[in-house]
C-alpha atoms as a PDB file:
ATOM      1  CA  UNK A   1     -15.628  26.402  30.253  1.00  0.00           C
ATOM      2  CA  UNK A   2     -14.104  23.193  28.900  1.00  0.00           C
ATOM      3  CA  UNK A   3     -10.383  23.819  28.311  1.00  0.00           C
ATOM      4  CA  UNK A   4      -8.606  22.164  25.381  1.00  0.00           C
ATOM      5  CA  UNK A   5      -4.934  21.940  24.478  1.00  0.00           C
ATOM      6  CA  UNK A   6      -3.886  20.882  20.973  1.00  0.00           C
ATOM      7  CA  UNK A   7      -0.482  19.449  20.017  1.00  0.00           C
ATOM      8  CA  UNK A   8       0.523  19.835  16.374  1.00  0.00           C
ATOM      9  CA  UNK A   9       3.437  19.358  13.990  1.00  0.00           C
ATOM     10  CA  UNK A  10       2.187  20.327  10.549  1.00  0.00           C
ATOM     11  CA  UNK A  11      -0.581  22.036   8.611  1.00  0.00           C
ATOM     12  CA  UNK A  12      -3.189  21.876  11.329  1.00  0.00           C
ATOM     13  CA  UNK A  13      -6.241  20.866   9.302  1.00  0.00           C
ATOM     14  CA  UNK A  14      -7.705  18.997  12.266  1.00  0.00           C
ATOM     15  CA  UNK A  15      -6.936  21.966  14.502  1.00  0.00           C
ATOM     16  CA  UNK A  16      -8.911  24.090  12.047  1.00  0.00           C
ATOM     17  CA  UNK A  17     -11.806  21.620  12.232  1.00  0.00           C
ATOM     18  CA  UNK A  18     -11.879  22.074  16.019  1.00  0.00           C
ATOM     19  CA  UNK A  19     -11.648  25.866  15.743  1.00  0.00           C
ATOM     20  CA  UNK A  20     -14.470  25.942  13.188  1.00  0.00           C
ATOM     21  CA  UNK A  21     -16.644  23.644  15.310  1.00  0.00           C
ATOM     22  CA  UNK A  22     -16.221  25.909  18.330  1.00  0.00           C
ATOM     23  CA  UNK A  23     -16.857  29.060  16.298  1.00  0.00           C
ATOM     24  CA  UNK A  24     -20.024  27.712  14.667  1.00  0.00           C
ATOM     25  CA  UNK A  25     -21.451  26.242  17.865  1.00  0.00           C
ATOM     26  CA  UNK A  26     -21.060  22.536  17.082  1.00  0.00           C
ATOM     27  CA  UNK A  27     -18.810  22.374  20.141  1.00  0.00           C
ATOM     28  CA  UNK A  28     -20.333  24.519  22.900  1.00  0.00           C
ATOM     29  CA  UNK A  29     -18.790  25.943  26.072  1.00  0.00           C
ATOM     30  CA  UNK A  30     -15.245  25.014  25.056  1.00  0.00           C
ATOM     31  CA  UNK A  31     -12.069  26.976  24.427  1.00  0.00           C
ATOM     32  CA  UNK A  32      -8.665  26.087  23.004  1.00  0.00           C
ATOM     33  CA  UNK A  33      -6.299  27.378  25.676  1.00  0.00           C
ATOM     34  CA  UNK A  34      -3.037  26.560  23.938  1.00  0.00           C
ATOM     35  CA  UNK A  35      -1.613  25.133  20.728  1.00  0.00           C
ATOM     36  CA  UNK A  36       1.835  23.578  21.109  1.00  0.00           C
ATOM     37  CA  UNK A  37       4.106  22.533  18.240  1.00  0.00           C
ATOM     38  CA  UNK A  38       7.432  20.733  18.086  1.00  0.00           C
ATOM     39  CA  UNK A  39       8.163  22.612  14.841  1.00  0.00           C
ATOM     40  CA  UNK A  40       8.399  26.383  14.643  1.00  0.00           C
ATOM     41  CA  UNK A  41       7.376  26.449  10.966  1.00  0.00           C
ATOM     42  CA  UNK A  42       4.168  24.421  11.417  1.00  0.00           C
ATOM     43  CA  UNK A  43       1.336  26.212   9.631  1.00  0.00           C
ATOM     44  CA  UNK A  44      -0.949  25.092  12.452  1.00  0.00           C
ATOM     45  CA  UNK A  45       0.641  27.831  14.574  1.00  0.00           C
ATOM     46  CA  UNK A  46      -0.544  30.454  12.101  1.00  0.00           C
ATOM     47  CA  UNK A  47      -4.045  28.992  12.187  1.00  0.00           C
ATOM     48  CA  UNK A  48      -4.023  29.406  15.958  1.00  0.00           C
ATOM     49  CA  UNK A  49      -2.703  32.958  15.788  1.00  0.00           C
ATOM     50  CA  UNK A  50      -5.374  33.839  13.222  1.00  0.00           C
ATOM     51  CA  UNK A  51      -7.913  32.899  15.881  1.00  0.00           C
ATOM     52  CA  UNK A  52      -6.181  34.620  18.813  1.00  0.00           C
ATOM     53  CA  UNK A  53      -5.164  31.322  20.402  1.00  0.00           C
ATOM     54  CA  UNK A  54      -1.974  31.187  22.463  1.00  0.00           C
ATOM     55  CA  UNK A  55       0.847  29.231  20.823  1.00  0.00           C
ATOM     56  CA  UNK A  56       4.044  27.710  22.101  1.00  0.00           C
ATOM     57  CA  UNK A  57       6.949  26.004  20.332  1.00  0.00           C
ATOM     58  CA  UNK A  58       8.868  23.296  22.163  1.00  0.00           C
ATOM     59  CA  UNK A  59      11.519  21.588  20.028  1.00  0.00           C
ATOM     60  CA  UNK A  60      13.125  18.363  21.177  1.00  0.00           C
ATOM     61  CA  UNK A  61      16.544  19.474  19.905  1.00  0.00           C
ATOM     62  CA  UNK A  62      16.488  22.395  22.351  1.00  0.00           C
ATOM     63  CA  UNK A  63      16.643  19.947  25.279  1.00  0.00           C
ATOM     64  CA  UNK A  64      19.435  17.627  26.400  1.00  0.00           C
ATOM     65  CA  UNK A  65      17.151  14.599  26.133  1.00  0.00           C
ATOM     66  CA  UNK A  66      13.551  13.642  25.427  1.00  0.00           C
ATOM     67  CA  UNK A  67      12.693  13.314  29.115  1.00  0.00           C
ATOM     68  CA  UNK A  68      13.551  16.961  29.729  1.00  0.00           C
ATOM     69  CA  UNK A  69      11.520  17.892  26.647  1.00  0.00           C
ATOM     70  CA  UNK A  70       8.517  15.994  27.940  1.00  0.00           C
ATOM     71  CA  UNK A  71       8.922  17.521  31.390  1.00  0.00           C
ATOM     72  CA  UNK A  72       8.707  20.990  29.853  1.00  0.00           C
ATOM     73  CA  UNK A  73       5.671  19.971  27.808  1.00  0.00           C
ATOM     74  CA  UNK A  74       3.955  18.474  30.865  1.00  0.00           C
ATOM     75  CA  UNK A  75       4.664  21.596  32.904  1.00  0.00           C
ATOM     76  CA  UNK A  76       3.207  23.865  30.223  1.00  0.00           C
ATOM     77  CA  UNK A  77       0.067  21.775  29.726  1.00  0.00           C
ATOM     78  CA  UNK A  78      -0.563  21.399  33.453  1.00  0.00           C
ATOM     79  CA  UNK A  79      -0.254  25.157  33.923  1.00  0.00           C
ATOM     80  CA  UNK A  80      -3.278  25.546  31.637  1.00  0.00           C
ATOM     81  CA  UNK A  81      -5.471  23.253  33.771  1.00  0.00           C
ATOM     82  CA  UNK A  82      -6.766  21.488  30.679  1.00  0.00           C
ATOM     83  CA  UNK A  83      -9.753  19.178  30.511  1.00  0.00           C
ATOM     84  CA  UNK A  84      -8.587  17.549  27.281  1.00  0.00           C
ATOM     85  CA  UNK A  85      -5.401  17.287  25.222  1.00  0.00           C
ATOM     86  CA  UNK A  86      -5.734  16.534  21.511  1.00  0.00           C
ATOM     87  CA  UNK A  87      -2.951  15.139  19.340  1.00  0.00           C
ATOM     88  CA  UNK A  88      -3.752  16.620  15.937  1.00  0.00           C
ATOM     89  CA  UNK A  89      -0.956  15.424  13.686  1.00  0.00           C
ATOM     90  CA  UNK A  90       1.612  15.593  16.493  1.00  0.00           C
ATOM     91  CA  UNK A  91       4.636  13.670  15.213  1.00  0.00           C
ATOM     92  CA  UNK A  92       6.235  12.865  18.553  1.00  0.00           C
ATOM     93  CA  UNK A  93       5.866   9.507  20.303  1.00  0.00           C
ATOM     94  CA  UNK A  94       4.996  10.276  23.911  1.00  0.00           C
ATOM     95  CA  UNK A  95       6.258   8.185  26.805  1.00  0.00           C
ATOM     96  CA  UNK A  96       4.296   6.239  29.390  1.00  0.00           C
ATOM     97  CA  UNK A  97       5.242   8.900  31.941  1.00  0.00           C
ATOM     98  CA  UNK A  98       3.690  11.628  29.820  1.00  0.00           C
ATOM     99  CA  UNK A  99       0.484   9.663  29.251  1.00  0.00           C
ATOM    100  CA  UNK A 100       0.184   8.811  32.948  1.00  0.00           C
ATOM    101  CA  UNK A 101       0.304  12.504  33.817  1.00  0.00           C
ATOM    102  CA  UNK A 102      -2.914  13.007  31.838  1.00  0.00           C
ATOM    103  CA  UNK A 103      -4.719   9.690  32.226  1.00  0.00           C
ATOM    104  CA  UNK A 104      -7.816   9.466  30.003  1.00  0.00           C
ATOM    105  CA  UNK A 105      -7.355  13.125  29.054  1.00  0.00           C
ATOM    106  CA  UNK A 106      -5.462  12.665  25.767  1.00  0.00           C
ATOM    107  CA  UNK A 107      -7.084  11.740  22.454  1.00  0.00           C
ATOM    108  CA  UNK A 108      -5.639  11.204  19.000  1.00  0.00           C
ATOM    109  CA  UNK A 109      -7.040  11.201  15.467  1.00  0.00           C
ATOM    110  CA  UNK A 110      -5.630   8.429  13.255  1.00  0.00           C
ATOM    111  CA  UNK A 111      -6.273   8.196   9.485  1.00  0.00           C
ATOM    112  CA  UNK A 112      -7.356   4.550   9.326  1.00  0.00           C
ATOM    113  CA  UNK A 113      -9.860   2.191  10.883  1.00  0.00           C
ATOM    114  CA  UNK A 114      -7.806   0.955  13.837  1.00  0.00           C
ATOM    115  CA  UNK A 115      -6.476  -1.721  14.236  1.00  0.00           C
ATOM    116  CA  UNK A 116      -5.823  -1.713  10.484  1.00  0.00           C
ATOM    117  CA  UNK A 117      -2.763   0.280   9.380  1.00  0.00           C
ATOM    118  CA  UNK A 118      -1.915   1.579  12.839  1.00  0.00           C
ATOM    119  CA  UNK A 119       0.965   1.464  15.273  1.00  0.00           C
ATOM    120  CA  UNK A 120       4.662   1.969  14.634  1.00  0.00           C
ATOM    121  CA  UNK A 121       5.447   3.339  11.177  1.00  0.00           C
ATOM    122  CA  UNK A 122       1.874   4.162  10.221  1.00  0.00           C
ATOM    123  CA  UNK A 123       1.441   7.917  10.075  1.00  0.00           C
ATOM    124  CA  UNK A 124       0.536  10.609   7.561  1.00  0.00           C
ATOM    125  CA  UNK A 125       0.605   9.691   3.887  1.00  0.00           C
ATOM    126  CA  UNK A 126       2.203   6.311   4.674  1.00  0.00           C
ATOM    127  CA  UNK A 127      -1.144   5.075   6.002  1.00  0.00           C
ATOM    128  CA  UNK A 128      -2.922   5.814   2.739  1.00  0.00           C
ATOM    129  CA  UNK A 129      -0.109   4.380   0.636  1.00  0.00           C
ATOM    130  CA  UNK A 130      -0.427   1.147   2.622  1.00  0.00           C
ATOM    131  CA  UNK A 131      -4.201   1.071   2.228  1.00  0.00           C
ATOM    132  CA  UNK A 132      -3.867   1.348  -1.559  1.00  0.00           C
ATOM    133  CA  UNK A 133      -1.032  -1.174  -1.735  1.00  0.00           C
ATOM    134  CA  UNK A 134      -3.203  -3.715   0.095  1.00  0.00           C
ATOM    135  CA  UNK A 135      -6.129  -3.095  -2.220  1.00  0.00           C
ATOM    136  CA  UNK A 136      -8.549  -2.145   0.533  1.00  0.00           C
ATOM    137  CA  UNK A 137     -12.040  -1.124  -0.512  1.00  0.00           C
ATOM    138  CA  UNK A 138     -12.847   0.732   2.709  1.00  0.00           C
ATOM    139  CA  UNK A 139     -10.670   2.864   4.947  1.00  0.00           C
ATOM    140  CA  UNK A 140     -11.520   5.713   7.321  1.00  0.00           C
ATOM    141  CA  UNK A 141     -10.456   7.429  10.504  1.00  0.00           C
ATOM    142  CA  UNK A 142     -10.457   6.725  14.234  1.00  0.00           C
ATOM    143  CA  UNK A 143     -10.469   8.899  17.327  1.00  0.00           C
ATOM    144  CA  UNK A 144      -9.094   7.098  20.362  1.00  0.00           C
ATOM    145  CA  UNK A 145      -7.761   7.720  23.823  1.00  0.00           C
ATOM    146  CA  UNK A 146      -3.975   7.723  24.017  1.00  0.00           C
ATOM    147  CA  UNK A 147      -2.114   5.116  26.034  1.00  0.00           C
ATOM    148  CA  UNK A 148       1.573   4.257  26.240  1.00  0.00           C
ATOM    149  CA  UNK A 149       1.265   1.924  23.232  1.00  0.00           C
ATOM    150  CA  UNK A 150       0.837   3.690  19.898  1.00  0.00           C
ATOM    151  CA  UNK A 151      -2.725   3.634  18.505  1.00  0.00           C
ATOM    152  CA  UNK A 152      -3.873   1.037  21.055  1.00  0.00           C
ATOM    153  CA  UNK A 153      -5.984   3.157  23.387  1.00  0.00           C
ATOM    154  CA  UNK A 154      -9.769   2.743  23.714  1.00  0.00           C
ATOM    155  CA  UNK A 155     -11.594   3.675  20.501  1.00  0.00           C
ATOM    156  CA  UNK A 156     -14.071   6.535  20.869  1.00  0.00           C
ATOM    157  CA  UNK A 157     -15.501   6.844  17.366  1.00  0.00           C
ATOM    158  CA  UNK A 158     -14.760   5.689  13.819  1.00  0.00           C
ATOM    159  CA  UNK A 159     -16.039   6.598  10.359  1.00  0.00           C
ATOM    160  CA  UNK A 160     -15.529   4.722   7.114  1.00  0.00           C
ATOM    161  CA  UNK A 161     -14.527   6.123   3.729  1.00  0.00           C
ATOM    162  CA  UNK A 162     -14.805   4.145   0.499  1.00  0.00           C
ATOM    163  CA  UNK A 163     -11.650   3.764  -1.584  1.00  0.00           C
ATOM    164  CA  UNK A 164     -12.048   4.661  -5.265  1.00  0.00           C
ATOM    165  CA  UNK A 165     -10.321   2.709  -8.014  1.00  0.00           C
ATOM    166  CA  UNK A 166      -8.574   5.845  -9.259  1.00  0.00           C
ATOM    167  CA  UNK A 167      -7.441   7.063  -5.825  1.00  0.00           C
ATOM    168  CA  UNK A 168      -3.869   8.116  -5.198  1.00  0.00           C
ATOM    169  CA  UNK A 169      -2.470   8.348  -1.690  1.00  0.00           C
ATOM    170  CA  UNK A 170      -2.938  12.103  -1.889  1.00  0.00           C
ATOM    171  CA  UNK A 171      -6.561  12.054  -3.046  1.00  0.00           C
ATOM    172  CA  UNK A 172      -7.424   9.387  -0.496  1.00  0.00           C
ATOM    173  CA  UNK A 173      -5.746  11.350   2.283  1.00  0.00           C
ATOM    174  CA  UNK A 174      -7.783  14.429   1.364  1.00  0.00           C
ATOM    175  CA  UNK A 175     -11.071  12.513   1.307  1.00  0.00           C
ATOM    176  CA  UNK A 176     -10.389  10.767   4.606  1.00  0.00           C
ATOM    177  CA  UNK A 177      -9.835  14.164   6.182  1.00  0.00           C
ATOM    178  CA  UNK A 178     -12.926  15.730   4.627  1.00  0.00           C
ATOM    179  CA  UNK A 179     -15.298  12.772   4.972  1.00  0.00           C
ATOM    180  CA  UNK A 180     -14.128  11.378   8.302  1.00  0.00           C
ATOM    181  CA  UNK A 181     -11.476  13.168  10.372  1.00  0.00           C
ATOM    182  CA  UNK A 182     -13.018  16.643  10.371  1.00  0.00           C
ATOM    183  CA  UNK A 183     -16.403  15.138  11.263  1.00  0.00           C
ATOM    184  CA  UNK A 184     -15.595  12.653  14.014  1.00  0.00           C
ATOM    185  CA  UNK A 185     -13.004  14.701  15.899  1.00  0.00           C
ATOM    186  CA  UNK A 186     -15.558  17.364  16.956  1.00  0.00           C
ATOM    187  CA  UNK A 187     -18.038  14.557  17.699  1.00  0.00           C
ATOM    188  CA  UNK A 188     -15.538  12.862  20.004  1.00  0.00           C
ATOM    189  CA  UNK A 189     -14.812  16.135  21.797  1.00  0.00           C
ATOM    190  CA  UNK A 190     -18.533  16.610  22.390  1.00  0.00           C
ATOM    191  CA  UNK A 191     -18.905  13.087  23.766  1.00  0.00           C
ATOM    192  CA  UNK A 192     -16.167  13.780  26.307  1.00  0.00           C
ATOM    193  CA  UNK A 193     -17.267  17.344  27.084  1.00  0.00           C
ATOM    194  CA  UNK A 194     -20.846  16.223  27.739  1.00  0.00           C
ATOM    195  CA  UNK A 195     -19.731  13.178  29.758  1.00  0.00           C
ATOM    196  CA  UNK A 196     -21.537  10.806  27.403  1.00  0.00           C
ATOM    197  CA  UNK A 197     -18.905   8.067  27.454  1.00  0.00           C
ATOM    198  CA  UNK A 198     -16.955   6.018  29.960  1.00  0.00           C
ATOM    199  CA  UNK A 199     -14.146   3.460  29.678  1.00  0.00           C
ATOM    200  CA  UNK A 200     -14.997  -0.068  30.822  1.00  0.00           C
ATOM    201  CA  UNK A 201     -12.372  -2.827  30.457  1.00  0.00           C
ATOM    202  CA  UNK A 202     -10.476  -0.730  27.876  1.00  0.00           C
ATOM    203  CA  UNK A 203     -13.615  -0.248  25.782  1.00  0.00           C
ATOM    204  CA  UNK A 204     -15.473   3.048  25.379  1.00  0.00           C
ATOM    205  CA  UNK A 205     -19.150   2.749  26.252  1.00  0.00           C
ATOM    206  CA  UNK A 206     -21.890   5.324  25.712  1.00  0.00           C
ATOM    207  CA  UNK A 207     -23.663   6.535  28.845  1.00  0.00           C
END
């Protein structure tokens, strides 16, 4: 059984996409072992509980410093013997030490076509506001491996979404989730689960 851990901070729509894909057989022979949030009021935790998935809350403010927080997070995730860790709207920048503890085992979903509108400061609704402010005609989503530099890890899969003239940041955000994020995240998990990709010179190649 392929063991997955999911880190969340908010509503958990991408977590739900993973849960649904496992339940309906799109993702086979996989199980979410734990859902961890840095916020105790994240609705994603309720989504997990609704599906009998173990949850854990680890808040940075409960630790003397971020290193101790990360140490606790690393310890918890390692205890689950996970095959893959997914950042699904996890609003914490993780250190190089954290990433090195799970080399090539962490993936992230980002709501733009990386490298556009990615990196420091580009998260959540801010991405879509920036896309509209620039007048882009196409946006989308990207699933990538996580490295110590934000949004710079090897790209696994991307999907484009057309921008409508009457889009607001909110309507665009919703369509990017529905038309891209919820589709390519399960696809990326399957590629990794079935060992259909490898990383060569920081580029993901199909096997």
